[in-house]
Amino acid sequence: MPIISAKEARQNFTHVGEEVAFHQERYLVTKNGRDFFAIVPLNDLQMLEELENQEDIAIAKKEKEYIKKHGTISWKEMEKRLGIDGD
């Protein structure tokens, strides 16, 4: 994976974009010598989004099971437990 500075990325935006879009190249962009961001092909982004969605669904399923097992409490009860005056 090529590593380029933010300045180089700006100066070569079209070339970098073509490399990413047509050759599936990934770039690590640095700023002041530190990793700043990455430029990745669209399919990489879509794959990351799908993984994130799967993780969110797994968490939601666990929470649903917890609620099914333990139930919920009202907002008023939560305020009471936290010592918050809801009025």
C-alpha atoms as a PDB file:
ATOM      1  CA  MET A   1       0.000   0.000   0.000  1.00  0.00           C
ATOM      2  CA  PRO A   2       1.529   3.288  -1.058  1.00  0.00           C
ATOM      3  CA  ILE A   3       2.012   5.900   1.635  1.00  0.00           C
ATOM      4  CA  ILE A   4       1.687   9.509   0.527  1.00  0.00           C
ATOM      5  CA  SER A   5       1.410  12.855   2.271  1.00  0.00           C
ATOM      6  CA  ALA A   6      -1.824  14.843   2.250  1.00  0.00           C
ATOM      7  CA  LYS A   7      -0.044  17.388   0.050  1.00  0.00           C
ATOM      8  CA  GLU A   8       0.891  14.676  -2.460  1.00  0.00           C
ATOM      9  CA  ALA A   9      -2.665  13.342  -2.384  1.00  0.00           C
ATOM     10  CA  ARG A  10      -4.018  16.815  -3.208  1.00  0.00           C
ATOM     11  CA  GLN A  11      -1.479  17.398  -5.969  1.00  0.00           C
ATOM     12  CA  ASN A  12      -2.131  13.982  -7.548  1.00  0.00           C
ATOM     13  CA  PHE A  13      -5.821  13.617  -6.758  1.00  0.00           C
ATOM     14  CA  THR A  14      -6.865  12.444 -10.236  1.00  0.00           C
ATOM     15  CA  HIS A  15      -4.052   9.892 -10.479  1.00  0.00           C
ATOM     16  CA  VAL A  16      -4.680   8.578  -6.957  1.00  0.00           C
ATOM     17  CA  GLY A  17      -8.414   8.358  -7.691  1.00  0.00           C
ATOM     18  CA  GLU A  18      -7.806   6.397 -10.877  1.00  0.00           C
ATOM     19  CA  GLU A  19      -5.419   4.008  -9.124  1.00  0.00           C
ATOM     20  CA  VAL A  20      -8.008   3.381  -6.419  1.00  0.00           C
ATOM     21  CA  ALA A  21     -11.015   3.102  -8.731  1.00  0.00           C
ATOM     22  CA  PHE A  22      -9.518   1.138 -11.602  1.00  0.00           C
ATOM     23  CA  HIS A  23      -6.631  -0.806 -10.025  1.00  0.00           C
ATOM     24  CA  GLN A  24      -8.049  -1.413  -6.534  1.00  0.00           C
ATOM     25  CA  GLU A  25      -5.021   0.312  -4.978  1.00  0.00           C
ATOM     26  CA  ARG A  26      -5.210   1.467  -1.358  1.00  0.00           C
ATOM     27  CA  TYR A  27      -3.399   4.570  -0.141  1.00  0.00           C
ATOM     28  CA  LEU A  28      -2.388   5.581   3.351  1.00  0.00           C
ATOM     29  CA  VAL A  29      -2.305   9.361   3.587  1.00  0.00           C
ATOM     30  CA  THR A  30      -0.117  11.020   6.206  1.00  0.00           C
ATOM     31  CA  LYS A  31      -0.093  14.494   7.687  1.00  0.00           C
ATOM     32  CA  ASN A  32       2.911  15.835   9.581  1.00  0.00           C
ATOM     33  CA  GLY A  33       4.470  12.375   9.348  1.00  0.00           C
ATOM     34  CA  ARG A  34       1.520  10.629  11.026  1.00  0.00           C
ATOM     35  CA  ASP A  35      -1.167   8.370   9.584  1.00  0.00           C
ATOM     36  CA  PHE A  36      -4.117  10.632   8.756  1.00  0.00           C
ATOM     37  CA  PHE A  37      -6.595   8.667   6.622  1.00  0.00           C
ATOM     38  CA  ALA A  38      -6.849   6.003   3.947  1.00  0.00           C
ATOM     39  CA  ILE A  39      -8.220   6.051   0.444  1.00  0.00           C
ATOM     40  CA  VAL A  40      -9.707   2.693  -0.461  1.00  0.00           C
ATOM     41  CA  PRO A  41     -11.693   1.192  -3.332  1.00  0.00           C
ATOM     42  CA  LEU A  42     -15.461   1.324  -3.130  1.00  0.00           C
ATOM     43  CA  ASN A  43     -15.758  -2.480  -2.702  1.00  0.00           C
ATOM     44  CA  ASP A  44     -13.481  -2.279   0.361  1.00  0.00           C
ATOM     45  CA  LEU A  45     -15.753   0.363   1.850  1.00  0.00           C
ATOM     46  CA  GLN A  46     -18.857  -1.688   1.066  1.00  0.00           C
ATOM     47  CA  MET A  47     -17.274  -4.746   2.686  1.00  0.00           C
ATOM     48  CA  LEU A  48     -16.422  -2.757   5.821  1.00  0.00           C
ATOM     49  CA  GLU A  49     -19.975  -1.389   5.960  1.00  0.00           C
ATOM     50  CA  GLU A  50     -21.395  -4.914   5.681  1.00  0.00           C
ATOM     51  CA  LEU A  51     -19.133  -6.172   8.489  1.00  0.00           C
ATOM     52  CA  GLU A  52     -20.215  -3.236  10.627  1.00  0.00           C
ATOM     53  CA  ASN A  53     -23.878  -3.990   9.897  1.00  0.00           C
ATOM     54  CA  GLN A  54     -23.401  -7.646  10.855  1.00  0.00           C
ATOM     55  CA  GLU A  55     -21.758  -6.592  14.112  1.00  0.00           C
ATOM     56  CA  ASP A  56     -24.620  -4.179  14.858  1.00  0.00           C
ATOM     57  CA  ILE A  57     -27.171  -6.938  14.213  1.00  0.00           C
ATOM     58  CA  ALA A  58     -25.319  -9.337  16.533  1.00  0.00           C
ATOM     59  CA  ILE A  59     -25.272  -6.713  19.305  1.00  0.00           C
ATOM     60  CA  ALA A  60     -28.968  -5.956  18.791  1.00  0.00           C
ATOM     61  CA  LYS A  61     -29.822  -9.665  19.046  1.00  0.00           C
ATOM     62  CA  LYS A  62     -27.880  -9.968  22.317  1.00  0.00           C
ATOM     63  CA  GLU A  63     -29.639  -6.896  23.714  1.00  0.00           C
ATOM     64  CA  LYS A  64     -33.025  -8.246  22.642  1.00  0.00           C
ATOM     65  CA  GLU A  65     -32.302 -11.502  24.491  1.00  0.00           C
ATOM     66  CA  TYR A  66     -31.200  -9.557  27.574  1.00  0.00           C
ATOM     67  CA  ILE A  67     -34.426  -7.545  27.527  1.00  0.00           C
ATOM     68  CA  LYS A  68     -36.465 -10.703  27.031  1.00  0.00           C
ATOM     69  CA  LYS A  69     -34.751 -12.264  30.063  1.00  0.00           C
ATOM     70  CA  HIS A  70     -34.550  -9.220  32.367  1.00  0.00           C
ATOM     71  CA  GLY A  71     -37.301  -6.917  31.113  1.00  0.00           C
ATOM     72  CA  THR A  72     -37.200  -3.153  31.016  1.00  0.00           C
ATOM     73  CA  ILE A  73     -37.946  -0.289  33.391  1.00  0.00           C
ATOM     74  CA  SER A  74     -39.886   2.897  32.849  1.00  0.00           C
ATOM     75  CA  TRP A  75     -38.247   6.267  32.251  1.00  0.00           C
ATOM     76  CA  LYS A  76     -39.593   7.450  35.609  1.00  0.00           C
ATOM     77  CA  GLU A  77     -37.923   4.488  37.344  1.00  0.00           C
ATOM     78  CA  MET A  78     -34.637   5.263  35.574  1.00  0.00           C
ATOM     79  CA  GLU A  79     -34.794   8.901  36.722  1.00  0.00           C
ATOM     80  CA  LYS A  80     -35.451   7.698  40.248  1.00  0.00           C
ATOM     81  CA  ARG A  81     -32.500   5.280  40.182  1.00  0.00           C
ATOM     82  CA  LEU A  82     -30.212   7.988  38.818  1.00  0.00           C
ATOM     83  CA  GLY A  83     -31.463  10.592  41.256  1.00  0.00           C
ATOM     84  CA  ILE A  84     -32.681  12.849  38.470  1.00  0.00           C
ATOM     85  CA  ASP A  85     -35.712  15.054  38.974  1.00  0.00           C
ATOM     86  CA  GLY A  86     -37.700  14.554  35.786  1.00  0.00           C
ATOM     87  CA  ASP A  87     -40.106  17.419  36.334  1.00  0.00           C
END
